[in-house]
Amino acid sequence: MQVWAVFGTRTATATAKITVVNGVVHHINITPATATIEARGTSSFSAEAFNQHGYKLTGITRFNWQIVEGSGAITGNPGQTVVLKTTDEVGTLRLIA
């Protein structure tokens, strides 16, 4: 960025180097947000991270996927997309990233 100051016939300039960064993760969206899966079935889920202004953060390649309620298994690379495999247990399962 360059700034000019003019006073009468005199002009002065200054330059500043500015680095723009993504910022910190404010929230994560999991897609799909809700799903119906048969017992012993599978479904893919993906995650995206956003900053406090709602802009998608690029460069995030790993999420810490966890099942915090219910029974199932997460398979695949723990990156942005995983596959959830359910068990025989019928009910609610909650997945977080």
PDB file of N, CA and C in Angstrom:
ATOM      1  N   MET A   1       0.846  -1.151   0.000  1.00  0.00           N
ATOM      2  CA  MET A   1       0.000   0.000   0.000  1.00  0.00           C
ATOM      3  C   MET A   1       0.898   1.222   0.000  1.00  0.00           C
ATOM      4  N   GLN A   2       0.507   2.227  -0.754  1.00  0.00           N
ATOM      5  CA  GLN A   2       1.284   3.463  -0.798  1.00  0.00           C
ATOM      6  C   GLN A   2       0.375   4.630  -0.424  1.00  0.00           C
ATOM      7  N   VAL A   3       0.926   5.552   0.376  1.00  0.00           N
ATOM      8  CA  VAL A   3       0.180   6.713   0.848  1.00  0.00           C
ATOM      9  C   VAL A   3       0.902   7.973   0.397  1.00  0.00           C
ATOM     10  N   TRP A   4       0.144   8.965  -0.073  1.00  0.00           N
ATOM     11  CA  TRP A   4       0.695  10.256  -0.476  1.00  0.00           C
ATOM     12  C   TRP A   4       0.183  11.324   0.462  1.00  0.00           C
ATOM     13  N   ALA A   5       1.054  12.244   0.801  1.00  0.00           N
ATOM     14  CA  ALA A   5       0.666  13.415   1.590  1.00  0.00           C
ATOM     15  C   ALA A   5       1.075  14.652   0.797  1.00  0.00           C
ATOM     16  N   VAL A   6       0.131  15.550   0.620  1.00  0.00           N
ATOM     17  CA  VAL A   6       0.399  16.776  -0.142  1.00  0.00           C
ATOM     18  C   VAL A   6       0.161  17.968   0.777  1.00  0.00           C
ATOM     19  N   PHE A   7       1.162  18.838   0.836  1.00  0.00           N
ATOM     20  CA  PHE A   7       1.047  20.065   1.604  1.00  0.00           C
ATOM     21  C   PHE A   7       1.607  21.191   0.741  1.00  0.00           C
ATOM     22  N   GLY A   8       0.724  21.973   0.205  1.00  0.00           N
ATOM     23  CA  GLY A   8       1.150  23.036  -0.712  1.00  0.00           C
ATOM     24  C   GLY A   8       1.741  22.420  -1.968  1.00  0.00           C
ATOM     25  N   THR A   9       2.995  22.767  -2.245  1.00  0.00           N
ATOM     26  CA  THR A   9       3.660  22.236  -3.434  1.00  0.00           C
ATOM     27  C   THR A   9       4.511  21.009  -3.115  1.00  0.00           C
ATOM     28  N   ARG A  10       4.544  20.605  -1.879  1.00  0.00           N
ATOM     29  CA  ARG A  10       5.373  19.464  -1.473  1.00  0.00           C
ATOM     30  C   ARG A  10       4.525  18.192  -1.386  1.00  0.00           C
ATOM     31  N   THR A  11       5.110  17.101  -1.835  1.00  0.00           N
ATOM     32  CA  THR A  11       4.454  15.792  -1.785  1.00  0.00           C
ATOM     33  C   THR A  11       5.414  14.788  -1.160  1.00  0.00           C
ATOM     34  N   ALA A  12       4.891  13.974  -0.273  1.00  0.00           N
ATOM     35  CA  ALA A  12       5.690  12.913   0.335  1.00  0.00           C
ATOM     36  C   ALA A  12       4.931  11.597   0.181  1.00  0.00           C
ATOM     37  N   THR A  13       5.659  10.520   0.050  1.00  0.00           N
ATOM     38  CA  THR A  13       5.026   9.207  -0.067  1.00  0.00           C
ATOM     39  C   THR A  13       5.641   8.249   0.942  1.00  0.00           C
ATOM     40  N   ALA A  14       4.858   7.246   1.304  1.00  0.00           N
ATOM     41  CA  ALA A  14       5.337   6.170   2.181  1.00  0.00           C
ATOM     42  C   ALA A  14       4.690   4.875   1.701  1.00  0.00           C
ATOM     43  N   THR A  15       5.397   3.786   1.891  1.00  0.00           N
ATOM     44  CA  THR A  15       4.906   2.482   1.464  1.00  0.00           C
ATOM     45  C   THR A  15       4.858   1.549   2.670  1.00  0.00           C
ATOM     46  N   ALA A  16       3.793   0.764   2.763  1.00  0.00           N
ATOM     47  CA  ALA A  16       3.662  -0.229   3.830  1.00  0.00           C
ATOM     48  C   ALA A  16       3.384  -1.587   3.195  1.00  0.00           C
ATOM     49  N   LYS A  17       4.021  -2.611   3.725  1.00  0.00           N
ATOM     50  CA  LYS A  17       3.778  -3.969   3.253  1.00  0.00           C
ATOM     51  C   LYS A  17       2.680  -4.580   4.130  1.00  0.00           C
ATOM     52  N   ILE A  18       1.645  -5.083   3.501  1.00  0.00           N
ATOM     53  CA  ILE A  18       0.513  -5.661   4.228  1.00  0.00           C
ATOM     54  C   ILE A  18       0.361  -7.114   3.803  1.00  0.00           C
ATOM     55  N   THR A  19       0.263  -8.007   4.781  1.00  0.00           N
ATOM     56  CA  THR A  19       0.043  -9.421   4.514  1.00  0.00           C
ATOM     57  C   THR A  19      -1.377  -9.772   4.922  1.00  0.00           C
ATOM     58  N   VAL A  20      -2.132 -10.317   4.003  1.00  0.00           N
ATOM     59  CA  VAL A  20      -3.518 -10.716   4.267  1.00  0.00           C
ATOM     60  C   VAL A  20      -3.518 -12.208   4.575  1.00  0.00           C
ATOM     61  N   VAL A  21      -4.130 -12.578   5.700  1.00  0.00           N
ATOM     62  CA  VAL A  21      -4.191 -13.979   6.119  1.00  0.00           C
ATOM     63  C   VAL A  21      -5.646 -14.409   6.261  1.00  0.00           C
ATOM     64  N   ASN A  22      -5.859 -15.722   6.299  1.00  0.00           N
ATOM     65  CA  ASN A  22      -7.209 -16.264   6.418  1.00  0.00           C
ATOM     66  C   ASN A  22      -7.881 -15.922   7.734  1.00  0.00           C
ATOM     67  N   GLY A  23      -7.144 -15.826   8.798  1.00  0.00           N
ATOM     68  CA  GLY A  23      -7.734 -15.667  10.117  1.00  0.00           C
ATOM     69  C   GLY A  23      -7.947 -17.030  10.757  1.00  0.00           C
ATOM     70  N   VAL A  24      -8.585 -17.037  11.899  1.00  0.00           N
ATOM     71  CA  VAL A  24      -8.796 -18.281  12.638  1.00  0.00           C
ATOM     72  C   VAL A  24     -10.146 -18.901  12.273  1.00  0.00           C
ATOM     73  N   VAL A  25     -10.268 -20.178  12.575  1.00  0.00           N
ATOM     74  CA  VAL A  25     -11.524 -20.875  12.313  1.00  0.00           C
ATOM     75  C   VAL A  25     -12.577 -20.382  13.298  1.00  0.00           C
ATOM     76  N   HIS A  26     -13.697 -19.933  12.759  1.00  0.00           N
ATOM     77  CA  HIS A  26     -14.824 -19.483  13.565  1.00  0.00           C
ATOM     78  C   HIS A  26     -15.880 -20.577  13.661  1.00  0.00           C
ATOM     79  N   HIS A  27     -16.152 -21.234  12.536  1.00  0.00           N
ATOM     80  CA  HIS A  27     -17.116 -22.329  12.549  1.00  0.00           C
ATOM     81  C   HIS A  27     -16.841 -23.300  11.404  1.00  0.00           C
ATOM     82  N   ILE A  28     -17.384 -24.498  11.532  1.00  0.00           N
ATOM     83  CA  ILE A  28     -17.234 -25.561  10.537  1.00  0.00           C
ATOM     84  C   ILE A  28     -18.621 -26.004  10.099  1.00  0.00           C
ATOM     85  N   ASN A  29     -18.803 -26.154   8.805  1.00  0.00           N
ATOM     86  CA  ASN A  29     -20.048 -26.699   8.265  1.00  0.00           C
ATOM     87  C   ASN A  29     -19.809 -28.128   7.803  1.00  0.00           C
ATOM     88  N   ILE A  30     -20.679 -29.042   8.217  1.00  0.00           N
ATOM     89  CA  ILE A  30     -20.638 -30.424   7.753  1.00  0.00           C
ATOM     90  C   ILE A  30     -21.774 -30.608   6.762  1.00  0.00           C
ATOM     91  N   THR A  31     -21.462 -31.224   5.620  1.00  0.00           N
ATOM     92  CA  THR A  31     -22.452 -31.481   4.573  1.00  0.00           C
ATOM     93  C   THR A  31     -22.536 -32.976   4.316  1.00  0.00           C
ATOM     94  N   PRO A  32     -23.703 -33.575   4.319  1.00  0.00           N
ATOM     95  CA  PRO A  32     -24.986 -32.967   4.656  1.00  0.00           C
ATOM     96  C   PRO A  32     -25.092 -32.726   6.166  1.00  0.00           C
ATOM     97  N   ALA A  33     -25.896 -31.733   6.543  1.00  0.00           N
ATOM     98  CA  ALA A  33     -26.072 -31.405   7.958  1.00  0.00           C
ATOM     99  C   ALA A  33     -26.928 -32.451   8.665  1.00  0.00           C
ATOM    100  N   THR A  34     -27.844 -33.079   7.945  1.00  0.00           N
ATOM    101  CA  THR A  34     -28.650 -34.179   8.471  1.00  0.00           C
ATOM    102  C   THR A  34     -28.727 -35.254   7.403  1.00  0.00           C
ATOM    103  N   ALA A  35     -28.868 -36.494   7.855  1.00  0.00           N
ATOM    104  CA  ALA A  35     -28.961 -37.610   6.909  1.00  0.00           C
ATOM    105  C   ALA A  35     -29.734 -38.754   7.555  1.00  0.00           C
ATOM    106  N   THR A  36     -30.357 -39.571   6.727  1.00  0.00           N
ATOM    107  CA  THR A  36     -30.992 -40.802   7.174  1.00  0.00           C
ATOM    108  C   THR A  36     -30.229 -41.942   6.520  1.00  0.00           C
ATOM    109  N   ILE A  37     -29.683 -42.821   7.354  1.00  0.00           N
ATOM    110  CA  ILE A  37     -28.864 -43.931   6.871  1.00  0.00           C
ATOM    111  C   ILE A  37     -29.438 -45.218   7.451  1.00  0.00           C
ATOM    112  N   GLU A  38     -29.577 -46.231   6.636  1.00  0.00           N
ATOM    113  CA  GLU A  38     -30.043 -47.519   7.130  1.00  0.00           C
ATOM    114  C   GLU A  38     -28.985 -48.148   8.032  1.00  0.00           C
ATOM    115  N   ALA A  39     -29.427 -49.030   8.951  1.00  0.00           N
ATOM    116  CA  ALA A  39     -28.497 -49.779   9.786  1.00  0.00           C
ATOM    117  C   ALA A  39     -27.539 -50.547   8.883  1.00  0.00           C
ATOM    118  N   ARG A  40     -26.265 -50.544   9.245  1.00  0.00           N
ATOM    119  CA  ARG A  40     -25.172 -51.137   8.474  1.00  0.00           C
ATOM    120  C   ARG A  40     -24.964 -50.436   7.125  1.00  0.00           C
ATOM    121  N   GLY A  41     -25.435 -49.219   7.011  1.00  0.00           N
ATOM    122  CA  GLY A  41     -25.271 -48.446   5.780  1.00  0.00           C
ATOM    123  C   GLY A  41     -24.098 -47.493   5.874  1.00  0.00           C
ATOM    124  N   THR A  42     -23.822 -46.813   4.783  1.00  0.00           N
ATOM    125  CA  THR A  42     -22.742 -45.830   4.739  1.00  0.00           C
ATOM    126  C   THR A  42     -23.225 -44.540   4.101  1.00  0.00           C
ATOM    127  N   SER A  43     -22.551 -43.473   4.434  1.00  0.00           N
ATOM    128  CA  SER A  43     -22.815 -42.178   3.822  1.00  0.00           C
ATOM    129  C   SER A  43     -21.556 -41.324   3.934  1.00  0.00           C
ATOM    130  N   SER A  44     -21.311 -40.515   2.927  1.00  0.00           N
ATOM    131  CA  SER A  44     -20.149 -39.620   2.931  1.00  0.00           C
ATOM    132  C   SER A  44     -20.528 -38.277   3.528  1.00  0.00           C
ATOM    133  N   PHE A  45     -19.573 -37.684   4.256  1.00  0.00           N
ATOM    134  CA  PHE A  45     -19.749 -36.368   4.842  1.00  0.00           C
ATOM    135  C   PHE A  45     -18.501 -35.546   4.542  1.00  0.00           C
ATOM    136  N   SER A  46     -18.680 -34.257   4.349  1.00  0.00           N
ATOM    137  CA  SER A  46     -17.538 -33.379   4.116  1.00  0.00           C
ATOM    138  C   SER A  46     -17.639 -32.170   5.041  1.00  0.00           C
ATOM    139  N   ALA A  47     -16.491 -31.553   5.292  1.00  0.00           N
ATOM    140  CA  ALA A  47     -16.425 -30.402   6.193  1.00  0.00           C
ATOM    141  C   ALA A  47     -15.709 -29.246   5.514  1.00  0.00           C
ATOM    142  N   GLU A  48     -16.148 -28.045   5.848  1.00  0.00           N
ATOM    143  CA  GLU A  48     -15.490 -26.813   5.388  1.00  0.00           C
ATOM    144  C   GLU A  48     -15.393 -25.861   6.572  1.00  0.00           C
ATOM    145  N   ALA A  49     -14.271 -25.167   6.699  1.00  0.00           N
ATOM    146  CA  ALA A  49     -14.055 -24.219   7.788  1.00  0.00           C
ATOM    147  C   ALA A  49     -14.224 -22.791   7.280  1.00  0.00           C
ATOM    148  N   PHE A  50     -14.754 -21.927   8.157  1.00  0.00           N
ATOM    149  CA  PHE A  50     -15.014 -20.527   7.806  1.00  0.00           C
ATOM    150  C   PHE A  50     -14.477 -19.612   8.899  1.00  0.00           C
ATOM    151  N   ASN A  51     -14.088 -18.386   8.502  1.00  0.00           N
ATOM    152  CA  ASN A  51     -13.642 -17.403   9.485  1.00  0.00           C
ATOM    153  C   ASN A  51     -14.839 -16.633  10.041  1.00  0.00           C
ATOM    154  N   GLN A  52     -14.590 -15.665  10.905  1.00  0.00           N
ATOM    155  CA  GLN A  52     -15.671 -14.928  11.562  1.00  0.00           C
ATOM    156  C   GLN A  52     -16.480 -14.069  10.599  1.00  0.00           C
ATOM    157  N   HIS A  53     -15.966 -13.827   9.409  1.00  0.00           N
ATOM    158  CA  HIS A  53     -16.691 -13.037   8.418  1.00  0.00           C
ATOM    159  C   HIS A  53     -17.475 -13.912   7.448  1.00  0.00           C
ATOM    160  N   GLY A  54     -17.418 -15.241   7.632  1.00  0.00           N
ATOM    161  CA  GLY A  54     -18.154 -16.161   6.779  1.00  0.00           C
ATOM    162  C   GLY A  54     -17.417 -16.591   5.529  1.00  0.00           C
ATOM    163  N   TYR A  55     -16.128 -16.263   5.429  1.00  0.00           N
ATOM    164  CA  TYR A  55     -15.349 -16.653   4.257  1.00  0.00           C
ATOM    165  C   TYR A  55     -14.713 -18.018   4.475  1.00  0.00           C
ATOM    166  N   LYS A  56     -14.787 -18.872   3.454  1.00  0.00           N
ATOM    167  CA  LYS A  56     -14.207 -20.209   3.523  1.00  0.00           C
ATOM    168  C   LYS A  56     -12.698 -20.107   3.658  1.00  0.00           C
ATOM    169  N   LEU A  57     -12.142 -20.863   4.603  1.00  0.00           N
ATOM    170  CA  LEU A  57     -10.708 -20.893   4.822  1.00  0.00           C
ATOM    171  C   LEU A  57     -10.092 -21.963   3.925  1.00  0.00           C
ATOM    172  N   THR A  58      -9.144 -21.567   3.118  1.00  0.00           N
ATOM    173  CA  THR A  58      -8.485 -22.510   2.221  1.00  0.00           C
ATOM    174  C   THR A  58      -7.264 -23.088   2.908  1.00  0.00           C
ATOM    175  N   GLY A  59      -6.829 -24.224   2.452  1.00  0.00           N
ATOM    176  CA  GLY A  59      -5.618 -24.829   2.981  1.00  0.00           C
ATOM    177  C   GLY A  59      -5.833 -25.748   4.174  1.00  0.00           C
ATOM    178  N   ILE A  60      -7.046 -25.846   4.676  1.00  0.00           N
ATOM    179  CA  ILE A  60      -7.310 -26.773   5.783  1.00  0.00           C
ATOM    180  C   ILE A  60      -7.615 -28.127   5.172  1.00  0.00           C
ATOM    181  N   THR A  61      -6.755 -29.100   5.434  1.00  0.00           N
ATOM    182  CA  THR A  61      -6.892 -30.411   4.794  1.00  0.00           C
ATOM    183  C   THR A  61      -7.236 -31.521   5.783  1.00  0.00           C
ATOM    184  N   ARG A  62      -7.228 -31.223   7.076  1.00  0.00           N
ATOM    185  CA  ARG A  62      -7.536 -32.244   8.080  1.00  0.00           C
ATOM    186  C   ARG A  62      -8.554 -31.727   9.076  1.00  0.00           C
ATOM    187  N   PHE A  63      -9.508 -32.587   9.389  1.00  0.00           N
ATOM    188  CA  PHE A  63     -10.479 -32.310  10.436  1.00  0.00           C
ATOM    189  C   PHE A  63     -10.453 -33.475  11.412  1.00  0.00           C
ATOM    190  N   ASN A  64     -10.706 -33.212  12.667  1.00  0.00           N
ATOM    191  CA  ASN A  64     -10.734 -34.252  13.685  1.00  0.00           C
ATOM    192  C   ASN A  64     -12.170 -34.769  13.806  1.00  0.00           C
ATOM    193  N   TRP A  65     -12.517 -35.735  12.980  1.00  0.00           N
ATOM    194  CA  TRP A  65     -13.875 -36.297  12.954  1.00  0.00           C
ATOM    195  C   TRP A  65     -14.081 -37.202  14.163  1.00  0.00           C
ATOM    196  N   GLN A  66     -15.260 -37.073  14.791  1.00  0.00           N
ATOM    197  CA  GLN A  66     -15.585 -37.911  15.942  1.00  0.00           C
ATOM    198  C   GLN A  66     -17.075 -38.230  15.956  1.00  0.00           C
ATOM    199  N   ILE A  67     -17.394 -39.425  16.440  1.00  0.00           N
ATOM    200  CA  ILE A  67     -18.780 -39.789  16.722  1.00  0.00           C
ATOM    201  C   ILE A  67     -18.958 -39.557  18.212  1.00  0.00           C
ATOM    202  N   VAL A  68     -19.832 -38.632  18.591  1.00  0.00           N
ATOM    203  CA  VAL A  68     -19.993 -38.277  19.999  1.00  0.00           C
ATOM    204  C   VAL A  68     -21.303 -38.807  20.583  1.00  0.00           C
ATOM    205  N   GLU A  69     -22.142 -39.365  19.732  1.00  0.00           N
ATOM    206  CA  GLU A  69     -23.396 -39.960  20.197  1.00  0.00           C
ATOM    207  C   GLU A  69     -23.771 -41.062  19.214  1.00  0.00           C
ATOM    208  N   GLY A  70     -24.141 -42.211  19.705  1.00  0.00           N
ATOM    209  CA  GLY A  70     -24.524 -43.309  18.836  1.00  0.00           C
ATOM    210  C   GLY A  70     -23.344 -44.213  18.535  1.00  0.00           C
ATOM    211  N   SER A  71     -23.571 -45.130  17.594  1.00  0.00           N
ATOM    212  CA  SER A  71     -22.571 -46.144  17.293  1.00  0.00           C
ATOM    213  C   SER A  71     -22.314 -46.201  15.794  1.00  0.00           C
ATOM    214  N   GLY A  72     -21.060 -46.207  15.421  1.00  0.00           N
ATOM    215  CA  GLY A  72     -20.674 -46.279  14.022  1.00  0.00           C
ATOM    216  C   GLY A  72     -19.170 -46.196  13.898  1.00  0.00           C
ATOM    217  N   ALA A  73     -18.695 -46.134  12.679  1.00  0.00           N
ATOM    218  CA  ALA A  73     -17.263 -46.051  12.424  1.00  0.00           C
ATOM    219  C   ALA A  73     -16.997 -45.050  11.302  1.00  0.00           C
ATOM    220  N   ILE A  74     -15.931 -44.302  11.462  1.00  0.00           N
ATOM    221  CA  ILE A  74     -15.509 -43.345  10.440  1.00  0.00           C
ATOM    222  C   ILE A  74     -14.373 -43.996   9.662  1.00  0.00           C
ATOM    223  N   THR A  75     -14.538 -44.083   8.352  1.00  0.00           N
ATOM    224  CA  THR A  75     -13.499 -44.689   7.529  1.00  0.00           C
ATOM    225  C   THR A  75     -12.980 -43.678   6.521  1.00  0.00           C
ATOM    226  N   GLY A  76     -11.846 -43.977   5.957  1.00  0.00           N
ATOM    227  CA  GLY A  76     -11.245 -43.084   4.977  1.00  0.00           C
ATOM    228  C   GLY A  76     -10.254 -42.147   5.626  1.00  0.00           C
ATOM    229  N   ASN A  77      -9.648 -41.324   4.811  1.00  0.00           N
ATOM    230  CA  ASN A  77      -8.688 -40.337   5.252  1.00  0.00           C
ATOM    231  C   ASN A  77      -9.402 -39.283   6.089  1.00  0.00           C
ATOM    232  N   PRO A  78      -8.870 -38.915   7.268  1.00  0.00           N
ATOM    233  CA  PRO A  78      -9.555 -37.917   8.091  1.00  0.00           C
ATOM    234  C   PRO A  78      -9.388 -36.496   7.559  1.00  0.00           C
ATOM    235  N   GLY A  79      -9.525 -36.342   6.285  1.00  0.00           N
ATOM    236  CA  GLY A  79      -9.402 -35.028   5.667  1.00  0.00           C
ATOM    237  C   GLY A  79     -10.736 -34.328   5.629  1.00  0.00           C
ATOM    238  N   GLN A  80     -11.040 -33.697   4.528  1.00  0.00           N
ATOM    239  CA  GLN A  80     -12.278 -32.947   4.415  1.00  0.00           C
ATOM    240  C   GLN A  80     -13.486 -33.844   4.209  1.00  0.00           C
ATOM    241  N   THR A  81     -13.305 -35.038   3.643  1.00  0.00           N
ATOM    242  CA  THR A  81     -14.423 -35.943   3.388  1.00  0.00           C
ATOM    243  C   THR A  81     -14.136 -37.304   4.014  1.00  0.00           C
ATOM    244  N   VAL A  82     -15.141 -37.837   4.715  1.00  0.00           N
ATOM    245  CA  VAL A  82     -15.026 -39.167   5.320  1.00  0.00           C
ATOM    246  C   VAL A  82     -16.294 -39.956   5.010  1.00  0.00           C
ATOM    247  N   VAL A  83     -16.227 -41.261   5.269  1.00  0.00           N
ATOM    248  CA  VAL A  83     -17.386 -42.132   5.115  1.00  0.00           C
ATOM    249  C   VAL A  83     -17.770 -42.630   6.499  1.00  0.00           C
ATOM    250  N   LEU A  84     -19.042 -42.500   6.819  1.00  0.00           N
ATOM    251  CA  LEU A  84     -19.573 -42.980   8.086  1.00  0.00           C
ATOM    252  C   LEU A  84     -20.287 -44.295   7.832  1.00  0.00           C
ATOM    253  N   LYS A  85     -19.929 -45.322   8.584  1.00  0.00           N
ATOM    254  CA  LYS A  85     -20.583 -46.628   8.483  1.00  0.00           C
ATOM    255  C   LYS A  85     -21.335 -46.862   9.779  1.00  0.00           C
ATOM    256  N   THR A  86     -22.639 -47.122   9.674  1.00  0.00           N
ATOM    257  CA  THR A  86     -23.452 -47.346  10.860  1.00  0.00           C
ATOM    258  C   THR A  86     -23.411 -48.817  11.266  1.00  0.00           C
ATOM    259  N   THR A  87     -23.854 -49.081  12.489  1.00  0.00           N
ATOM    260  CA  THR A  87     -23.919 -50.447  13.005  1.00  0.00           C
ATOM    261  C   THR A  87     -25.365 -50.916  12.973  1.00  0.00           C
ATOM    262  N   ASP A  88     -25.675 -51.967  13.740  1.00  0.00           N
ATOM    263  CA  ASP A  88     -27.054 -52.460  13.861  1.00  0.00           C
ATOM    264  C   ASP A  88     -27.908 -51.558  14.740  1.00  0.00           C
ATOM    265  N   GLU A  89     -27.265 -50.690  15.513  1.00  0.00           N
ATOM    266  CA  GLU A  89     -27.984 -49.842  16.459  1.00  0.00           C
ATOM    267  C   GLU A  89     -28.828 -48.803  15.723  1.00  0.00           C
ATOM    268  N   VAL A  90     -30.113 -48.780  16.049  1.00  0.00           N
ATOM    269  CA  VAL A  90     -31.039 -47.816  15.437  1.00  0.00           C
ATOM    270  C   VAL A  90     -31.210 -46.655  16.409  1.00  0.00           C
ATOM    271  N   GLY A  91     -31.205 -45.449  15.894  1.00  0.00           N
ATOM    272  CA  GLY A  91     -31.382 -44.271  16.743  1.00  0.00           C
ATOM    273  C   GLY A  91     -30.595 -43.101  16.171  1.00  0.00           C
ATOM    274  N   THR A  92     -30.260 -42.174  17.030  1.00  0.00           N
ATOM    275  CA  THR A  92     -29.567 -40.958  16.620  1.00  0.00           C
ATOM    276  C   THR A  92     -28.063 -41.137  16.756  1.00  0.00           C
ATOM    277  N   LEU A  93     -27.364 -40.672  15.761  1.00  0.00           N
ATOM    278  CA  LEU A  93     -25.904 -40.669  15.782  1.00  0.00           C
ATOM    279  C   LEU A  93     -25.480 -39.231  15.521  1.00  0.00           C
ATOM    280  N   ARG A  94     -24.523 -38.729  16.298  1.00  0.00           N
ATOM    281  CA  ARG A  94     -24.058 -37.362  16.117  1.00  0.00           C
ATOM    282  C   ARG A  94     -22.584 -37.383  15.756  1.00  0.00           C
ATOM    283  N   LEU A  95     -22.262 -36.748  14.645  1.00  0.00           N
ATOM    284  CA  LEU A  95     -20.915 -36.688  14.099  1.00  0.00           C
ATOM    285  C   LEU A  95     -20.429 -35.248  14.178  1.00  0.00           C
ATOM    286  N   ILE A  96     -19.195 -35.055  14.653  1.00  0.00           N
ATOM    287  CA  ILE A  96     -18.636 -33.704  14.690  1.00  0.00           C
ATOM    288  C   ILE A  96     -17.297 -33.698  13.954  1.00  0.00           C
ATOM    289  N   ALA A  97     -16.891 -32.522  13.501  1.00  0.00           N
ATOM    290  CA  ALA A  97     -15.597 -32.346  12.850  1.00  0.00           C
ATOM    291  C   ALA A  97     -14.891 -31.190  13.501  1.00  0.00           C
TER     292      ALA A  97
END
